Every structure is written in structure tokens, then in C-alpha cells.
Amino acid sequence: MKDIFFFNTMLTPKIITFVYWLLLISVIIGGFGTMFGGYEKNILGGLGVMIGGAIGARIWCELMIVLFKINENLQKITNKEEAE
């Protein structure tokens, strides 16, 4: 608990995983809404929303995780240099 309050461990990567699943669920709902909802039923557009949205959500979340991995590795390097 102390690590979280003093920012020694990052909580955000766990939150990003949760956000990724929420994004996937919303992309699927949006895709089905495009396919079967409203006045125009657009099957190909709905598939495009699902595929493009899933890929876009994955890329965005991976980029956010990469930033935190860089921070984690920099902390390891700093701790290693301080120990020497």
C-alpha cells in the first residue's frame, strides 16, 4: 500500500487493461448498432467499425503501456546505478 501512495509502483497499467476491455465492448456495441440500428442497416460499415475500432483500441492501449514500461526500465537502471 505504501508503494502506491508514494508512487513507487504504477497503478495505471492495470487501469489501462480494464479500459481496453471497456473499449472493446463499446466497439462491438457500436459495430452492431451500425449494422442493425437506425434507418440504414450497413453490414460492411459495422464490420469496419468493429475491426478498425478493435485495432485502434489495441494500438492506443499498447502505446500507453509502452510508456509505463519505459518508466519501469528507467527506474531499474537508476536503482542499479545507485547500488554501485
Protein backbone atom coordinates (compact mmCIF):
# COMPACT_ATOMS: atom_id res chain seq x y z
CA MET A 1 0.00 0.00 0.00
CA LYS A 2 2.89 2.34 0.79
CA ASP A 3 4.28 1.82 -2.74
CA ILE A 4 1.04 3.05 -4.27
CA PHE A 5 0.82 6.17 -2.08
CA PHE A 6 4.43 7.16 -2.75
CA PHE A 7 4.27 6.30 -6.48
CA ASN A 8 6.87 3.53 -6.31
CA THR A 9 4.56 1.25 -8.27
CA MET A 10 2.30 2.33 -11.09
CA LEU A 11 -1.42 1.68 -10.84
CA THR A 12 -2.25 2.98 -14.31
CA PRO A 13 -1.14 -0.11 -16.34
CA LYS A 14 -3.78 -2.16 -14.51
CA ILE A 15 -6.36 0.52 -15.25
CA ILE A 16 -5.35 0.60 -18.94
CA THR A 17 -6.09 -3.14 -19.21
CA PHE A 18 -9.57 -2.53 -17.80
CA VAL A 19 -10.08 0.43 -20.16
CA TYR A 20 -9.03 -1.78 -23.10
CA TRP A 21 -11.79 -4.26 -22.35
CA LEU A 22 -14.31 -1.44 -21.97
CA LEU A 23 -13.21 -0.06 -25.35
CA LEU A 24 -13.62 -3.47 -26.97
CA ILE A 25 -17.13 -3.84 -25.57
CA SER A 26 -18.09 -0.37 -26.78
CA VAL A 27 -16.60 -1.07 -30.23
CA ILE A 28 -18.65 -4.26 -30.52
CA ILE A 29 -21.83 -2.49 -29.42
CA GLY A 30 -21.11 0.36 -31.83
CA GLY A 31 -20.46 -2.10 -34.65
CA PHE A 32 -23.72 -3.94 -34.06
CA GLY A 33 -25.50 -0.60 -33.77
CA THR A 34 -24.13 0.38 -37.16
CA MET A 35 -25.09 -2.98 -38.65
CA PHE A 36 -28.63 -3.31 -37.38
CA GLY A 37 -29.75 0.01 -35.91
CA GLY A 38 -31.18 3.20 -37.29
CA TYR A 39 -32.66 3.80 -40.70
CA GLU A 40 -29.73 2.47 -42.70
CA LYS A 41 -28.51 -1.01 -42.00
CA ASN A 42 -24.87 -1.08 -43.02
CA ILE A 43 -23.31 -4.52 -42.52
CA LEU A 44 -19.92 -3.68 -44.04
CA GLY A 45 -19.73 -0.40 -42.15
CA GLY A 46 -20.44 -2.22 -38.89
CA LEU A 47 -17.71 -4.75 -39.61
CA GLY A 48 -15.35 -1.88 -40.42
CA VAL A 49 -16.20 -0.19 -37.13
CA MET A 50 -15.55 -3.43 -35.24
CA ILE A 51 -12.26 -4.26 -36.94
CA GLY A 52 -10.93 -0.71 -37.08
CA GLY A 53 -12.07 0.08 -33.56
CA ALA A 54 -10.54 -3.07 -32.11
CA ILE A 55 -7.22 -2.40 -33.84
CA GLY A 56 -7.26 1.28 -32.84
CA ALA A 57 -8.07 0.47 -29.20
CA ARG A 58 -5.29 -2.12 -29.07
CA ILE A 59 -2.71 0.25 -30.56
CA TRP A 60 -3.66 3.08 -28.19
CA CYS A 61 -3.51 0.85 -25.11
CA GLU A 62 -0.21 -0.73 -26.19
CA LEU A 63 1.34 2.72 -26.65
CA MET A 64 0.22 3.72 -23.16
CA ILE A 65 1.68 0.52 -21.69
CA VAL A 66 4.97 1.11 -23.55
CA LEU A 67 5.31 4.48 -21.82
CA PHE A 68 4.95 2.85 -18.43
CA LYS A 69 7.39 0.05 -19.35
CA ILE A 70 9.96 2.68 -20.33
CA ASN A 71 9.46 4.34 -16.94
CA GLU A 72 9.83 0.98 -15.18
CA ASN A 73 13.07 0.18 -17.02
CA LEU A 74 14.48 3.64 -16.32
CA GLN A 75 13.78 3.13 -12.62
CA LYS A 76 15.64 -0.20 -12.73
CA ILE A 77 18.62 1.47 -14.39
CA THR A 78 18.60 4.26 -11.79
CA ASN A 79 18.42 1.79 -8.90
CA LYS A 80 21.24 -0.27 -10.39
CA GLU A 81 23.48 2.82 -10.72
CA GLU A 82 22.70 3.92 -7.16
CA ALA A 83 23.68 0.47 -5.84
CA GLU A 84 27.10 0.67 -7.46
